C-alpha atoms as a PDB file:
ATOM      1  CA  MET A   1       0.006  -0.026  -0.061  1.00  0.00           C
ATOM      2  CA  ARG A   2       2.752   2.369   0.783  1.00  0.00           C
ATOM      3  CA  LYS A   3       4.405   1.883  -2.567  1.00  0.00           C
ATOM      4  CA  ILE A   4       1.239   2.772  -4.327  1.00  0.00           C
ATOM      5  CA  SER A   5       0.609   5.796  -2.252  1.00  0.00           C
ATOM      6  CA  GLY A   6       4.215   6.775  -2.756  1.00  0.00           C
ATOM      7  CA  ARG A   7       3.671   6.800  -6.586  1.00  0.00           C
ATOM      8  CA  VAL A   8       0.171   8.258  -6.558  1.00  0.00           C
ATOM      9  CA  LEU A   9       0.766  11.271  -4.181  1.00  0.00           C
ATOM     10  CA  PRO A  10       3.512  12.862  -6.462  1.00  0.00           C
ATOM     11  CA  VAL A  11       1.318  12.410  -9.418  1.00  0.00           C
ATOM     12  CA  MET A  12      -1.567  14.041  -7.764  1.00  0.00           C
ATOM     13  CA  LEU A  13       0.580  16.892  -6.488  1.00  0.00           C
ATOM     14  CA  LEU A  14       1.891  17.455 -10.037  1.00  0.00           C
ATOM     15  CA  ALA A  15      -1.560  17.406 -11.361  1.00  0.00           C
ATOM     16  CA  ALA A  16      -2.589  20.035  -8.961  1.00  0.00           C
ATOM     17  CA  VAL A  17       0.336  22.350  -9.711  1.00  0.00           C
ATOM     18  CA  PHE A  18      -0.600  22.034 -13.528  1.00  0.00           C
ATOM     19  CA  ALA A  19      -4.230  22.812 -12.687  1.00  0.00           C
ATOM     20  CA  VAL A  20      -3.305  25.978 -10.701  1.00  0.00           C
ATOM     21  CA  VAL A  21      -0.860  27.151 -13.428  1.00  0.00           C
ATOM     22  CA  PHE A  22      -3.436  26.442 -16.125  1.00  0.00           C
ATOM     23  CA  ALA A  23      -6.133  28.303 -14.306  1.00  0.00           C
ATOM     24  CA  ALA A  24      -3.829  31.317 -13.625  1.00  0.00           C
ATOM     25  CA  GLY A  25      -2.852  31.412 -17.412  1.00  0.00           C
ATOM     26  CA  ALA A  26      -6.460  31.185 -18.389  1.00  0.00           C
ATOM     27  CA  SER A  27      -7.659  34.022 -16.254  1.00  0.00           C
ATOM     28  CA  ALA A  28      -4.817  36.216 -17.491  1.00  0.00           C
ATOM     29  CA  ALA A  29      -5.949  35.470 -21.162  1.00  0.00           C
ATOM     30  CA  THR A  30      -9.561  36.141 -20.103  1.00  0.00           C
ATOM     31  CA  ALA A  31      -8.598  39.478 -18.783  1.00  0.00           C
ATOM     32  CA  GLU A  32      -6.460  40.408 -21.812  1.00  0.00           C
ATOM     33  CA  ASP A  33      -9.462  39.348 -24.100  1.00  0.00           C
ATOM     34  CA  SER A  34     -11.945  41.395 -22.279  1.00  0.00           C
ATOM     35  CA  LYS A  35      -9.611  44.400 -22.201  1.00  0.00           C
ATOM     36  CA  LYS A  36      -8.972  44.111 -26.028  1.00  0.00           C
ATOM     37  CA  PHE A  37     -12.833  43.647 -26.539  1.00  0.00           C
ATOM     38  CA  GLY A  38     -13.467  46.905 -24.569  1.00  0.00           C
ATOM     39  CA  GLU A  39     -11.002  48.852 -26.803  1.00  0.00           C
ATOM     40  CA  TYR A  40     -12.815  47.427 -29.914  1.00  0.00           C
ATOM     41  CA  ARG A  41     -16.315  48.237 -28.453  1.00  0.00           C
ATOM     42  CA  ALA A  42     -15.312  51.764 -27.597  1.00  0.00           C
ATOM     43  CA  ALA A  43     -13.674  52.547 -30.877  1.00  0.00           C
ATOM     44  CA  ILE A  44     -16.356  51.050 -32.874  1.00  0.00           C
ATOM     45  CA  GLN A  45     -19.037  52.874 -30.882  1.00  0.00           C
ATOM     46  CA  LYS A  46     -17.223  56.102 -31.204  1.00  0.00           C
ATOM     47  CA  ALA A  47     -16.737  55.746 -35.061  1.00  0.00           C
ATOM     48  CA  HIS A  48     -20.140  54.352 -35.936  1.00  0.00           C
ATOM     49  CA  GLY A  49     -22.402  54.701 -32.990  1.00  0.00           C
ATOM     50  CA  ILE A  50     -23.019  50.990 -32.506  1.00  0.00           C
ATOM     51  CA  ASP A  51     -22.444  48.848 -29.386  1.00  0.00           C
ATOM     52  CA  ILE A  52     -20.980  45.458 -30.386  1.00  0.00           C
ATOM     53  CA  LYS A  53     -21.495  44.081 -26.768  1.00  0.00           C
ATOM     54  CA  ASN A  54     -24.036  41.497 -27.793  1.00  0.00           C
ATOM     55  CA  PHE A  55     -22.971  41.392 -31.370  1.00  0.00           C
ATOM     56  CA  LYS A  56     -23.859  37.898 -32.955  1.00  0.00           C
ATOM     57  CA  GLN A  57     -23.316  36.978 -36.729  1.00  0.00           C
ATOM     58  CA  LYS A  58     -26.457  36.492 -38.580  1.00  0.00           C
ATOM     59  CA  LEU A  59     -25.168  35.830 -42.169  1.00  0.00           C
ATOM     60  CA  LYS A  60     -24.625  32.138 -42.417  1.00  0.00           C
ATOM     61  CA  GLY A  61     -21.741  30.797 -44.403  1.00  0.00           C
ATOM     62  CA  GLY A  62     -19.463  33.741 -44.156  1.00  0.00           C
ATOM     63  CA  ARG A  63     -15.660  33.021 -43.961  1.00  0.00           C
ATOM     64  CA  SER A  64     -15.568  34.624 -40.446  1.00  0.00           C
ATOM     65  CA  ASP A  65     -18.325  32.694 -38.908  1.00  0.00           C
ATOM     66  CA  THR A  66     -15.947  30.973 -36.314  1.00  0.00           C
ATOM     67  CA  HIS A  67     -14.094  34.241 -35.506  1.00  0.00           C
ATOM     68  CA  LYS A  68     -14.390  36.900 -32.882  1.00  0.00           C
ATOM     69  CA  ILE A  69     -14.322  40.442 -33.671  1.00  0.00           C
ATOM     70  CA  THR A  70     -10.914  40.963 -31.942  1.00  0.00           C
ATOM     71  CA  ASP A  71      -9.475  38.503 -34.326  1.00  0.00           C
ATOM     72  CA  PHE A  72      -9.405  41.345 -36.972  1.00  0.00           C
ATOM     73  CA  ASP A  73      -7.440  44.578 -37.116  1.00  0.00           C
ATOM     74  CA  LEU A  74      -9.684  47.329 -35.559  1.00  0.00           C
ATOM     75  CA  ASP A  75      -8.699  50.064 -37.968  1.00  0.00           C
ATOM     76  CA  GLN A  76      -9.553  47.765 -40.941  1.00  0.00           C
ATOM     77  CA  LEU A  77     -13.046  47.057 -39.134  1.00  0.00           C
ATOM     78  CA  ILE A  78     -13.845  50.641 -38.857  1.00  0.00           C
ATOM     79  CA  MET A  79     -12.958  51.308 -42.422  1.00  0.00           C
ATOM     80  CA  GLY A  80     -14.906  48.271 -43.458  1.00  0.00           C
ATOM     81  CA  ILE A  81     -18.060  49.341 -41.781  1.00  0.00           C
ATOM     82  CA  LYS A  82     -18.048  52.619 -43.473  1.00  0.00           C
ATOM     83  CA  VAL A  83     -17.343  51.076 -46.850  1.00  0.00           C
ATOM     84  CA  GLU A  84     -19.939  48.143 -46.627  1.00  0.00           C
ATOM     85  CA  GLN A  85     -22.687  50.750 -45.715  1.00  0.00           C
ATOM     86  CA  GLU A  86     -22.693  51.379 -49.476  1.00  0.00           C
ATOM     87  CA  HIS A  87     -24.509  47.917 -49.596  1.00  0.00           C
ATOM     88  CA  THR A  88     -26.494  48.023 -46.379  1.00  0.00           C
ATOM     89  CA  THR A  89     -28.025  50.457 -43.954  1.00  0.00           C
ATOM     90  CA  ASP A  90     -27.476  47.914 -40.994  1.00  0.00           C
ATOM     91  CA  LYS A  91     -24.197  48.631 -39.465  1.00  0.00           C
ATOM     92  CA  TYR A  92     -24.155  45.343 -37.898  1.00  0.00           C
ATOM     93  CA  THR A  93     -24.497  43.560 -41.313  1.00  0.00           C
ATOM     94  CA  ALA A  94     -21.703  46.065 -42.579  1.00  0.00           C
ATOM     95  CA  LEU A  95     -19.569  44.936 -39.680  1.00  0.00           C
ATOM     96  CA  GLU A  96     -20.130  41.253 -40.452  1.00  0.00           C
ATOM     97  CA  ILE A  97     -19.369  41.771 -44.150  1.00  0.00           C
ATOM     98  CA  SER A  98     -16.202  43.481 -43.191  1.00  0.00           C
ATOM     99  CA  MET A  99     -15.041  40.501 -41.027  1.00  0.00           C
ATOM    100  CA  ASP A 100     -15.665  38.159 -44.041  1.00  0.00           C
ATOM    101  CA  HIS A 101     -13.374  40.206 -46.210  1.00  0.00           C
ATOM    102  CA  LEU A 102     -10.777  40.670 -43.634  1.00  0.00           C
ATOM    103  CA  GLU A 103     -10.705  36.910 -42.971  1.00  0.00           C
ATOM    104  CA  GLU A 104      -9.745  36.452 -46.667  1.00  0.00           C
ATOM    105  CA  ILE A 105      -7.350  39.527 -46.854  1.00  0.00           C
ATOM    106  CA  PRO A 106      -6.418  41.119 -43.591  1.00  0.00           C
ATOM    107  CA  ASP A 107      -5.759  44.479 -45.004  1.00  0.00           C
ATOM    108  CA  TYR A 108      -8.495  44.430 -47.381  1.00  0.00           C
ATOM    109  CA  TYR A 109      -9.765  47.969 -46.807  1.00  0.00           C
ATOM    110  CA  THR A 110      -6.439  49.532 -47.114  1.00  0.00           C
ATOM    111  CA  ARG A 111      -5.874  47.824 -50.439  1.00  0.00           C
ATOM    112  CA  LEU A 112      -9.408  48.902 -51.589  1.00  0.00           C
ATOM    113  CA  GLU A 113      -8.699  52.534 -50.766  1.00  0.00           C
ATOM    114  CA  GLU A 114      -5.410  52.506 -52.512  1.00  0.00           C
ATOM    115  CA  MET A 115      -6.916  50.896 -55.500  1.00  0.00           C
ATOM    116  CA  GLU A 116      -9.756  53.437 -55.670  1.00  0.00           C
ATOM    117  CA  GLU A 117      -7.397  56.365 -55.300  1.00  0.00           C
ATOM    118  CA  LYS A 118      -5.242  54.978 -58.062  1.00  0.00           C
ATOM    119  CA  ALA A 119      -8.256  54.456 -60.437  1.00  0.00           C
ATOM    120  CA  GLU A 120      -9.614  57.922 -59.706  1.00  0.00           C
ATOM    121  CA  ALA A 121      -6.367  59.571 -60.427  1.00  0.00           C
ATOM    122  CA  GLU A 122      -6.226  57.653 -63.756  1.00  0.00           C
ATOM    123  CA  TRP A 123      -9.648  58.775 -64.775  1.00  0.00           C
ATOM    124  CA  LYS A 124      -8.967  62.316 -63.775  1.00  0.00           C
ATOM    125  CA  ALA A 125      -5.878  62.300 -65.886  1.00  0.00           C
ATOM    126  CA  LYS A 126      -7.843  60.804 -68.963  1.00  0.00           C
ATOM    127  CA  LYS A 127     -10.333  63.591 -68.547  1.00  0.00           C
ATOM    128  CA  GLU A 128      -7.663  66.304 -68.416  1.00  0.00           C
ATOM    129  CA  ALA A 129      -5.983  64.662 -71.430  1.00  0.00           C
ATOM    130  CA  ALA A 130      -9.430  64.564 -73.405  1.00  0.00           C
ATOM    131  CA  LYS A 131      -9.955  68.245 -72.576  1.00  0.00           C
ATOM    132  CA  LYS A 132      -6.565  69.203 -74.061  1.00  0.00           C
ATOM    133  CA  LYS A 133      -7.499  67.655 -77.467  1.00  0.00           C
END
């Protein structure tokens, strides 16, 4: 009996140590996640007037269905909500569409903005050239 308890006790102590270490790490991660979510919530509310506290994705089959808002770059989300309002008046739907685009291309809205600026400059140059003829 002593041999068995001599083997079991160290294993139980080791398991208890792992449990305490894991719990401490998990609570630290939860606190970080909560802080990050708070930052996203405040910034999106300030930029677009919506509260993401209880945000749930409604569009099924999107690429971001398994992701949290905080998995994406905050600045890109803020840009995305504005851009996607060209297609919907619902800012939460615009957010969800933004998340889907960002899942595919993490800097989607920066690239879109650069592409539009370049295209506008090209069209402006063509119009100026046509006026000179």
